[in-house]
Amino acid sequence: MREKILGIASDQFSQYGVRAITMEDIARLAGISKKTIYQEFIDKKQLVKEAFSMALKEDQDTLDKILEGEDGVIEHLVHTSKMVRERLSTLNPMVLLEIQKYFPEVWEMFNQFKEEIIVTDIVNVLEKGKTLGYFRPEINAKILANMRIDQISAAMNPSNYDRRDFSLLTLHMEMLDHFLHGIFTEKGRQAYLQKRNTY
């Protein structure tokens, strides 16, 4: 029951925002009483924290699995690109603003995940890609990993939410494409394009 509640809460918060979704909404969608939710979670604050913690854990597990596959570099780029597309296609950007403003503990959890998991993951992929000849050998993996994180954060600026000339997803994909083609060797570029077209 706890996992069912967390799954529904995570989906609803991502799509509609944290403040718009009530405990009553989640209870109705789960087919349970509000009292049952409060037997599992002290309050909405705890539910929000655990729902997003679960989503981050799923992302971490996905990243770990990707890095283990085949040579782990080109597949990683293609699969993480797919993962970002899926996340952004269902994410209401207002969620991030709401979390930052009303749920500072969760926001800190996001930042910690970014620093400890995402940056480390990007550094590992870049270093492995350099060894395999996919990325230019002279690049500084740590600097570029942090630069990539800064790109993502900049794209999530609220001023981009209501643009009519391009979507948030299009912006992210263009930035990723620009980043990758700046670090690829010709071997890496060809391997990436071939793998991306296959998928």
C-alpha atoms as a PDB file:
ATOM      1  CA  MET A   1       0.000   0.000   0.000  1.00  0.00           C
ATOM      2  CA  ARG A   2       2.843   2.378   0.872  1.00  0.00           C
ATOM      3  CA  GLU A   3       4.502   1.851  -2.528  1.00  0.00           C
ATOM      4  CA  LYS A   4       1.180   2.296  -4.315  1.00  0.00           C
ATOM      5  CA  ILE A   5       0.585   5.630  -2.545  1.00  0.00           C
ATOM      6  CA  LEU A   6       4.149   6.788  -3.318  1.00  0.00           C
ATOM      7  CA  GLY A   7       3.803   5.836  -6.988  1.00  0.00           C
ATOM      8  CA  ILE A   8       0.541   7.741  -7.400  1.00  0.00           C
ATOM      9  CA  ALA A   9       1.852  10.730  -5.435  1.00  0.00           C
ATOM     10  CA  SER A  10       5.045  10.900  -7.506  1.00  0.00           C
ATOM     11  CA  ASP A  11       3.089  10.845 -10.802  1.00  0.00           C
ATOM     12  CA  GLN A  12       0.554  13.424  -9.660  1.00  0.00           C
ATOM     13  CA  PHE A  13       3.092  15.824  -8.138  1.00  0.00           C
ATOM     14  CA  SER A  14       5.241  15.681 -11.294  1.00  0.00           C
ATOM     15  CA  GLN A  15       2.325  16.352 -13.631  1.00  0.00           C
ATOM     16  CA  TYR A  16       0.227  18.864 -11.716  1.00  0.00           C
ATOM     17  CA  GLY A  17       2.493  20.395  -9.096  1.00  0.00           C
ATOM     18  CA  VAL A  18       2.905  19.679  -5.412  1.00  0.00           C
ATOM     19  CA  ARG A  19       0.504  22.315  -4.118  1.00  0.00           C
ATOM     20  CA  ALA A  20      -2.329  21.497  -6.524  1.00  0.00           C
ATOM     21  CA  ILE A  21      -2.531  17.850  -5.450  1.00  0.00           C
ATOM     22  CA  THR A  22      -4.146  17.182  -2.087  1.00  0.00           C
ATOM     23  CA  MET A  23      -4.074  14.142   0.184  1.00  0.00           C
ATOM     24  CA  GLU A  24      -7.749  13.662  -0.773  1.00  0.00           C
ATOM     25  CA  ASP A  25      -6.776  13.482  -4.471  1.00  0.00           C
ATOM     26  CA  ILE A  26      -4.175  10.813  -3.778  1.00  0.00           C
ATOM     27  CA  ALA A  27      -6.547   8.807  -1.562  1.00  0.00           C
ATOM     28  CA  ARG A  28      -9.252   8.893  -4.263  1.00  0.00           C
ATOM     29  CA  LEU A  29      -6.841   7.784  -6.988  1.00  0.00           C
ATOM     30  CA  ALA A  30      -5.471   5.000  -4.765  1.00  0.00           C
ATOM     31  CA  GLY A  31      -9.014   3.868  -3.906  1.00  0.00           C
ATOM     32  CA  ILE A  32      -8.409   4.269  -0.172  1.00  0.00           C
ATOM     33  CA  SER A  33      -9.454   6.594   2.621  1.00  0.00           C
ATOM     34  CA  LYS A  34      -7.440   9.639   3.614  1.00  0.00           C
ATOM     35  CA  LYS A  35      -7.050   8.008   7.027  1.00  0.00           C
ATOM     36  CA  THR A  36      -5.137   5.129   5.416  1.00  0.00           C
ATOM     37  CA  ILE A  37      -2.619   7.587   3.929  1.00  0.00           C
ATOM     38  CA  TYR A  38      -2.091   9.182   7.343  1.00  0.00           C
ATOM     39  CA  GLN A  39      -1.375   5.728   8.790  1.00  0.00           C
ATOM     40  CA  GLU A  40       1.565   5.515   6.381  1.00  0.00           C
ATOM     41  CA  PHE A  41       2.696   9.162   6.296  1.00  0.00           C
ATOM     42  CA  ILE A  42       2.653  11.743   9.082  1.00  0.00           C
ATOM     43  CA  ASP A  43       1.741  14.584   6.721  1.00  0.00           C
ATOM     44  CA  LYS A  44       1.976  15.801   3.138  1.00  0.00           C
ATOM     45  CA  LYS A  45       5.512  17.061   3.736  1.00  0.00           C
ATOM     46  CA  GLN A  46       6.702  13.514   4.482  1.00  0.00           C
ATOM     47  CA  LEU A  47       4.794  12.138   1.484  1.00  0.00           C
ATOM     48  CA  VAL A  48       6.374  14.713  -0.866  1.00  0.00           C
ATOM     49  CA  LYS A  49       9.852  13.943   0.462  1.00  0.00           C
ATOM     50  CA  GLU A  50       9.481  10.172   0.142  1.00  0.00           C
ATOM     51  CA  ALA A  51       7.805  10.357  -3.285  1.00  0.00           C
ATOM     52  CA  PHE A  52      10.661  12.383  -4.768  1.00  0.00           C
ATOM     53  CA  SER A  53      13.246  10.310  -2.900  1.00  0.00           C
ATOM     54  CA  MET A  54      11.785   7.217  -4.598  1.00  0.00           C
ATOM     55  CA  ALA A  55      11.945   8.910  -8.035  1.00  0.00           C
ATOM     56  CA  LEU A  56      15.602   9.861  -7.500  1.00  0.00           C
ATOM     57  CA  LYS A  57      16.434   6.297  -6.400  1.00  0.00           C
ATOM     58  CA  GLU A  58      14.830   4.963  -9.600  1.00  0.00           C
ATOM     59  CA  ASP A  59      16.941   7.382 -11.655  1.00  0.00           C
ATOM     60  CA  GLN A  60      20.090   6.311  -9.826  1.00  0.00           C
ATOM     61  CA  ASP A  61      19.324   2.604 -10.428  1.00  0.00           C
ATOM     62  CA  THR A  62      18.721   3.328 -14.124  1.00  0.00           C
ATOM     63  CA  LEU A  63      22.037   5.189 -14.445  1.00  0.00           C
ATOM     64  CA  ASP A  64      23.907   2.356 -12.694  1.00  0.00           C
ATOM     65  CA  LYS A  65      22.402  -0.242 -15.037  1.00  0.00           C
ATOM     66  CA  ILE A  66      23.190   1.774 -18.167  1.00  0.00           C
ATOM     67  CA  LEU A  67      26.846   2.209 -17.227  1.00  0.00           C
ATOM     68  CA  GLU A  68      27.201  -1.570 -16.825  1.00  0.00           C
ATOM     69  CA  GLY A  69      25.883  -2.333 -20.332  1.00  0.00           C
ATOM     70  CA  GLU A  70      28.127  -3.056 -23.337  1.00  0.00           C
ATOM     71  CA  ASP A  71      30.943  -0.470 -23.310  1.00  0.00           C
ATOM     72  CA  GLY A  72      28.706   1.714 -21.142  1.00  0.00           C
ATOM     73  CA  VAL A  73      29.461   5.049 -22.816  1.00  0.00           C
ATOM     74  CA  ILE A  74      27.482   5.498 -26.026  1.00  0.00           C
ATOM     75  CA  GLU A  75      24.583   3.496 -24.550  1.00  0.00           C
ATOM     76  CA  HIS A  76      24.709   5.770 -21.529  1.00  0.00           C
ATOM     77  CA  LEU A  77      24.390   8.885 -23.689  1.00  0.00           C
ATOM     78  CA  VAL A  78      21.463   7.484 -25.678  1.00  0.00           C
ATOM     79  CA  HIS A  79      19.619   6.068 -22.672  1.00  0.00           C
ATOM     80  CA  THR A  80      20.093   9.099 -20.434  1.00  0.00           C
ATOM     81  CA  SER A  81      18.880  11.274 -23.306  1.00  0.00           C
ATOM     82  CA  LYS A  82      15.777   9.056 -23.488  1.00  0.00           C
ATOM     83  CA  MET A  83      15.368   9.220 -19.705  1.00  0.00           C
ATOM     84  CA  VAL A  84      15.523  13.028 -19.742  1.00  0.00           C
ATOM     85  CA  ARG A  85      12.971  13.170 -22.577  1.00  0.00           C
ATOM     86  CA  GLU A  86      10.571  10.931 -20.647  1.00  0.00           C
ATOM     87  CA  ARG A  87      11.017  12.923 -17.428  1.00  0.00           C
ATOM     88  CA  LEU A  88      10.506  16.291 -19.126  1.00  0.00           C
ATOM     89  CA  SER A  89       7.483  15.110 -21.108  1.00  0.00           C
ATOM     90  CA  THR A  90       5.583  14.534 -17.843  1.00  0.00           C
ATOM     91  CA  LEU A  91       7.204  17.117 -15.574  1.00  0.00           C
ATOM     92  CA  ASN A  92       5.362  20.312 -14.741  1.00  0.00           C
ATOM     93  CA  PRO A  93       8.237  22.819 -14.413  1.00  0.00           C
ATOM     94  CA  MET A  94       6.359  24.638 -11.641  1.00  0.00           C
ATOM     95  CA  VAL A  95       7.076  21.633  -9.410  1.00  0.00           C
ATOM     96  CA  LEU A  96      10.706  22.698  -9.070  1.00  0.00           C
ATOM     97  CA  LEU A  97       9.743  26.219  -8.037  1.00  0.00           C
ATOM     98  CA  GLU A  98       7.226  24.911  -5.506  1.00  0.00           C
ATOM     99  CA  ILE A  99       9.735  22.510  -3.993  1.00  0.00           C
ATOM    100  CA  GLN A 100      12.387  25.202  -3.768  1.00  0.00           C
ATOM    101  CA  LYS A 101       9.955  27.575  -2.040  1.00  0.00           C
ATOM    102  CA  TYR A 102       7.835  25.304   0.165  1.00  0.00           C
ATOM    103  CA  PHE A 103       9.841  22.094   0.661  1.00  0.00           C
ATOM    104  CA  PRO A 104      13.467  23.122   1.349  1.00  0.00           C
ATOM    105  CA  GLU A 105      14.411  19.649   2.636  1.00  0.00           C
ATOM    106  CA  VAL A 106      13.383  18.090  -0.675  1.00  0.00           C
ATOM    107  CA  TRP A 107      15.193  20.821  -2.605  1.00  0.00           C
ATOM    108  CA  GLU A 108      18.349  20.064  -0.611  1.00  0.00           C
ATOM    109  CA  MET A 109      17.870  16.371  -1.466  1.00  0.00           C
ATOM    110  CA  PHE A 110      17.728  17.290  -5.186  1.00  0.00           C
ATOM    111  CA  ASN A 111      20.914  19.346  -4.903  1.00  0.00           C
ATOM    112  CA  GLN A 112      22.680  16.556  -3.056  1.00  0.00           C
ATOM    113  CA  PHE A 113      21.613  14.064  -5.743  1.00  0.00           C
ATOM    114  CA  LYS A 114      22.894  16.448  -8.407  1.00  0.00           C
ATOM    115  CA  GLU A 115      26.283  16.869  -6.731  1.00  0.00           C
ATOM    116  CA  GLU A 116      26.881  13.315  -5.509  1.00  0.00           C
ATOM    117  CA  ILE A 117      25.198  11.185  -8.183  1.00  0.00           C
ATOM    118  CA  ILE A 118      24.807  13.132 -11.429  1.00  0.00           C
ATOM    119  CA  VAL A 119      28.181  14.916 -11.443  1.00  0.00           C
ATOM    120  CA  THR A 120      29.967  11.684 -10.464  1.00  0.00           C
ATOM    121  CA  ASP A 121      28.071   9.776 -13.150  1.00  0.00           C
ATOM    122  CA  ILE A 122      28.989  12.301 -15.869  1.00  0.00           C
ATOM    123  CA  VAL A 123      32.648  12.339 -14.776  1.00  0.00           C
ATOM    124  CA  ASN A 124      32.783   8.517 -14.922  1.00  0.00           C
ATOM    125  CA  VAL A 125      31.225   8.438 -18.396  1.00  0.00           C
ATOM    126  CA  LEU A 126      33.545  11.161 -19.696  1.00  0.00           C
ATOM    127  CA  GLU A 127      36.665   9.463 -18.336  1.00  0.00           C
ATOM    128  CA  LYS A 128      35.616   6.082 -19.707  1.00  0.00           C
ATOM    129  CA  GLY A 129      34.757   7.690 -23.059  1.00  0.00           C
ATOM    130  CA  LYS A 130      38.191   9.314 -23.224  1.00  0.00           C
ATOM    131  CA  THR A 131      39.829   5.915 -22.638  1.00  0.00           C
ATOM    132  CA  LEU A 132      37.750   4.339 -25.422  1.00  0.00           C
ATOM    133  CA  GLY A 133      38.506   7.173 -27.832  1.00  0.00           C
ATOM    134  CA  TYR A 134      34.962   8.586 -27.969  1.00  0.00           C
ATOM    135  CA  PHE A 135      35.807  11.917 -26.315  1.00  0.00           C
ATOM    136  CA  ARG A 136      38.690  14.312 -26.855  1.00  0.00           C
ATOM    137  CA  PRO A 137      41.522  13.243 -24.520  1.00  0.00           C
ATOM    138  CA  GLU A 138      42.346  16.790 -23.363  1.00  0.00           C
ATOM    139  CA  ILE A 139      38.907  17.585 -21.856  1.00  0.00           C
ATOM    140  CA  ASN A 140      38.645  18.131 -18.098  1.00  0.00           C
ATOM    141  CA  ALA A 141      35.869  15.742 -17.025  1.00  0.00           C
ATOM    142  CA  LYS A 142      35.151  17.444 -13.689  1.00  0.00           C
ATOM    143  CA  ILE A 143      34.793  20.920 -15.221  1.00  0.00           C
ATOM    144  CA  LEU A 144      32.617  19.649 -18.060  1.00  0.00           C
ATOM    145  CA  ALA A 145      30.412  17.620 -15.707  1.00  0.00           C
ATOM    146  CA  ASN A 146      29.716  20.744 -13.650  1.00  0.00           C
ATOM    147  CA  MET A 147      29.205  22.776 -16.820  1.00  0.00           C
ATOM    148  CA  ARG A 148      26.597  20.257 -17.984  1.00  0.00           C
ATOM    149  CA  ILE A 149      24.785  20.520 -14.643  1.00  0.00           C
ATOM    150  CA  ASP A 150      24.826  24.322 -14.946  1.00  0.00           C
ATOM    151  CA  GLN A 151      23.327  24.003 -18.448  1.00  0.00           C
ATOM    152  CA  ILE A 152      20.473  21.884 -17.142  1.00  0.00           C
ATOM    153  CA  SER A 153      19.840  24.286 -14.252  1.00  0.00           C
ATOM    154  CA  ALA A 154      19.852  27.274 -16.614  1.00  0.00           C
ATOM    155  CA  ALA A 155      17.347  25.570 -18.915  1.00  0.00           C
ATOM    156  CA  MET A 156      14.999  25.116 -15.945  1.00  0.00           C
ATOM    157  CA  ASN A 157      14.839  28.895 -15.459  1.00  0.00           C
ATOM    158  CA  PRO A 158      11.148  29.914 -15.091  1.00  0.00           C
ATOM    159  CA  SER A 159      11.530  32.378 -17.989  1.00  0.00           C
ATOM    160  CA  ASN A 160      11.667  29.373 -20.330  1.00  0.00           C
ATOM    161  CA  TYR A 161       8.391  27.801 -19.142  1.00  0.00           C
ATOM    162  CA  ASP A 162       6.009  29.895 -21.225  1.00  0.00           C
ATOM    163  CA  ARG A 163       8.023  30.286 -24.395  1.00  0.00           C
ATOM    164  CA  ARG A 164       6.059  29.866 -27.606  1.00  0.00           C
ATOM    165  CA  ASP A 165       9.021  29.468 -29.997  1.00  0.00           C
ATOM    166  CA  PHE A 166      10.315  26.210 -28.457  1.00  0.00           C
ATOM    167  CA  SER A 167       9.456  23.774 -25.680  1.00  0.00           C
ATOM    168  CA  LEU A 168      11.479  23.038 -22.561  1.00  0.00           C
ATOM    169  CA  LEU A 169      12.189  19.570 -23.964  1.00  0.00           C
ATOM    170  CA  THR A 170      13.489  21.007 -27.270  1.00  0.00           C
ATOM    171  CA  LEU A 171      15.756  23.381 -25.328  1.00  0.00           C
ATOM    172  CA  HIS A 172      17.229  20.530 -23.283  1.00  0.00           C
ATOM    173  CA  MET A 173      17.826  18.345 -26.333  1.00  0.00           C
ATOM    174  CA  GLU A 174      19.558  21.178 -28.232  1.00  0.00           C
ATOM    175  CA  MET A 175      21.803  21.911 -25.260  1.00  0.00           C
ATOM    176  CA  LEU A 176      22.712  18.236 -24.897  1.00  0.00           C
ATOM    177  CA  ASP A 177      23.480  17.994 -28.616  1.00  0.00           C
ATOM    178  CA  HIS A 178      25.707  21.088 -28.432  1.00  0.00           C
ATOM    179  CA  PHE A 179      27.507  19.725 -25.361  1.00  0.00           C
ATOM    180  CA  LEU A 180      28.177  16.313 -26.897  1.00  0.00           C
ATOM    181  CA  HIS A 181      29.433  17.568 -30.246  1.00  0.00           C
ATOM    182  CA  GLY A 182      31.870  19.799 -28.383  1.00  0.00           C
ATOM    183  CA  ILE A 183      33.569  16.804 -26.724  1.00  0.00           C
ATOM    184  CA  PHE A 184      33.228  14.004 -29.293  1.00  0.00           C
ATOM    185  CA  THR A 185      36.070  12.669 -31.394  1.00  0.00           C
ATOM    186  CA  GLU A 186      34.980  11.607 -34.889  1.00  0.00           C
ATOM    187  CA  LYS A 187      34.816   8.013 -33.641  1.00  0.00           C
ATOM    188  CA  GLY A 188      32.506   9.082 -30.793  1.00  0.00           C
ATOM    189  CA  ARG A 189      30.303  11.164 -33.071  1.00  0.00           C
ATOM    190  CA  GLN A 190      29.790   8.302 -35.524  1.00  0.00           C
ATOM    191  CA  ALA A 191      29.139   5.744 -32.764  1.00  0.00           C
ATOM    192  CA  TYR A 192      26.621   8.046 -31.089  1.00  0.00           C
ATOM    193  CA  LEU A 193      24.713   8.880 -34.289  1.00  0.00           C
ATOM    194  CA  GLN A 194      24.561   5.223 -35.268  1.00  0.00           C
ATOM    195  CA  LYS A 195      23.333   4.104 -31.834  1.00  0.00           C
ATOM    196  CA  ARG A 196      20.840   6.975 -31.581  1.00  0.00           C
ATOM    197  CA  ASN A 197      19.361   6.145 -34.996  1.00  0.00           C
ATOM    198  CA  THR A 198      19.059   2.480 -33.984  1.00  0.00           C
ATOM    199  CA  TYR A 199      17.012   3.486 -30.955  1.00  0.00           C
END
